Structures are given as structure tokens and as C-alpha cells.
């Protein structure tokens, strides 16, 4: 249960950051690089939450 709550919180925060960055007036090449970096970060968050990658860069959330 704690795993699902952590994943939901991380995805909501990630979505909010993605939305705020998408509001920035970035040139097309920079926006493409930022989009790729966000997708890589999303994959790393999902893998870290499920324990495939070490989650040393993610703070532990406790409710």
C-alpha cells in the first residue's frame, strides 16, 4: 500500500513540474531535449519505486 501511495505522490509532483515547464516559452530544440529528459526521469522514478533501481535519489515518503 505504501508503494502505491509513494508512486501516486511522485507521479502527481512529476506531472505538476512537467506542466509548469511546458508553460515556459522554450525554443523547439531545447523543448525536445527537456521532453526527453523528463521521460527518462519518469522511467527512473517508476523503476526506483518498484525497487529495480536503487532509490537513493528519491526521498522516502511516510504518511
C-alpha atoms as a PDB file:
ATOM      1  CA  UNK A   1       0.000   0.000   0.000  1.00  0.00           C
ATOM      2  CA  UNK A   2       2.847   2.345   0.874  1.00  0.00           C
ATOM      3  CA  UNK A   3       4.406   1.616  -2.518  1.00  0.00           C
ATOM      4  CA  UNK A   4       1.279   2.690  -4.383  1.00  0.00           C
ATOM      5  CA  UNK A   5       0.913   5.870  -2.321  1.00  0.00           C
ATOM      6  CA  UNK A   6       4.550   6.801  -2.966  1.00  0.00           C
ATOM      7  CA  UNK A   7       4.143   6.180  -6.692  1.00  0.00           C
ATOM      8  CA  UNK A   8       0.985   8.301  -6.873  1.00  0.00           C
ATOM      9  CA  UNK A   9       2.604  11.184  -4.979  1.00  0.00           C
ATOM     10  CA  UNK A  10       5.711  11.110  -7.149  1.00  0.00           C
ATOM     11  CA  UNK A  11       3.669  10.988 -10.355  1.00  0.00           C
ATOM     12  CA  UNK A  12       1.467  13.908  -9.267  1.00  0.00           C
ATOM     13  CA  UNK A  13       4.505  16.033  -8.389  1.00  0.00           C
ATOM     14  CA  UNK A  14       6.197  14.982 -11.631  1.00  0.00           C
ATOM     15  CA  UNK A  15       3.082  15.921 -13.611  1.00  0.00           C
ATOM     16  CA  UNK A  16       2.905  19.341 -11.975  1.00  0.00           C
ATOM     17  CA  UNK A  17       6.553  20.025 -12.743  1.00  0.00           C
ATOM     18  CA  UNK A  18       6.068  18.817 -16.339  1.00  0.00           C
ATOM     19  CA  UNK A  19       3.063  21.134 -16.720  1.00  0.00           C
ATOM     20  CA  UNK A  20       4.956  24.146 -15.322  1.00  0.00           C
ATOM     21  CA  UNK A  21       7.948  23.532 -17.593  1.00  0.00           C
ATOM     22  CA  UNK A  22       5.656  23.162 -20.600  1.00  0.00           C
ATOM     23  CA  UNK A  23       4.376  26.682 -19.957  1.00  0.00           C
ATOM     24  CA  UNK A  24       7.865  28.112 -20.487  1.00  0.00           C
ATOM     25  CA  UNK A  25       8.490  29.645 -23.917  1.00  0.00           C
ATOM     26  CA  UNK A  26      11.374  27.373 -24.909  1.00  0.00           C
ATOM     27  CA  UNK A  27      12.788  27.109 -28.431  1.00  0.00           C
ATOM     28  CA  UNK A  28      11.904  23.859 -30.229  1.00  0.00           C
ATOM     29  CA  UNK A  29      15.292  22.082 -29.877  1.00  0.00           C
ATOM     30  CA  UNK A  30      15.513  22.905 -26.163  1.00  0.00           C
ATOM     31  CA  UNK A  31      11.926  21.789 -25.604  1.00  0.00           C
ATOM     32  CA  UNK A  32      12.683  18.461 -27.308  1.00  0.00           C
ATOM     33  CA  UNK A  33      15.715  17.891 -25.048  1.00  0.00           C
ATOM     34  CA  UNK A  34      13.696  18.780 -21.950  1.00  0.00           C
ATOM     35  CA  UNK A  35      10.928  16.398 -23.037  1.00  0.00           C
ATOM     36  CA  UNK A  36      13.407  13.530 -23.452  1.00  0.00           C
ATOM     37  CA  UNK A  37      14.977  14.258 -20.058  1.00  0.00           C
ATOM     38  CA  UNK A  38      11.557  14.258 -18.403  1.00  0.00           C
ATOM     39  CA  UNK A  39      10.699  10.907 -19.985  1.00  0.00           C
ATOM     40  CA  UNK A  40      13.985   9.437 -18.744  1.00  0.00           C
ATOM     41  CA  UNK A  41      13.287  10.807 -15.260  1.00  0.00           C
ATOM     42  CA  UNK A  42       9.776   9.334 -15.329  1.00  0.00           C
ATOM     43  CA  UNK A  43      11.152   5.907 -16.221  1.00  0.00           C
ATOM     44  CA  UNK A  44      13.749   6.182 -13.445  1.00  0.00           C
ATOM     45  CA  UNK A  45      11.085   7.144 -10.876  1.00  0.00           C
ATOM     46  CA  UNK A  46       8.890   4.186 -11.804  1.00  0.00           C
ATOM     47  CA  UNK A  47      11.810   1.748 -11.726  1.00  0.00           C
ATOM     48  CA  UNK A  48      13.050   3.134  -8.393  1.00  0.00           C
ATOM     49  CA  UNK A  49       9.635   2.924  -6.751  1.00  0.00           C
ATOM     50  CA  UNK A  50       9.312  -0.733  -7.734  1.00  0.00           C
ATOM     51  CA  UNK A  51      12.846  -1.490  -6.490  1.00  0.00           C
ATOM     52  CA  UNK A  52      14.503  -2.249  -9.829  1.00  0.00           C
ATOM     53  CA  UNK A  53      16.865   0.730  -9.488  1.00  0.00           C
ATOM     54  CA  UNK A  54      18.312   1.900  -6.163  1.00  0.00           C
ATOM     55  CA  UNK A  55      16.107   4.739  -4.947  1.00  0.00           C
ATOM     56  CA  UNK A  56      18.837   6.805  -3.337  1.00  0.00           C
ATOM     57  CA  UNK A  57      17.769   9.917  -5.272  1.00  0.00           C
ATOM     58  CA  UNK A  58      14.127   9.626  -4.153  1.00  0.00           C
ATOM     59  CA  UNK A  59      13.239  10.697  -0.612  1.00  0.00           C
ATOM     60  CA  UNK A  60      11.230   8.173   1.349  1.00  0.00           C
ATOM     61  CA  UNK A  61       7.653   9.349   1.909  1.00  0.00           C
ATOM     62  CA  UNK A  62       5.805   8.344   5.048  1.00  0.00           C
ATOM     63  CA  UNK A  63       2.244   9.243   5.898  1.00  0.00           C
END
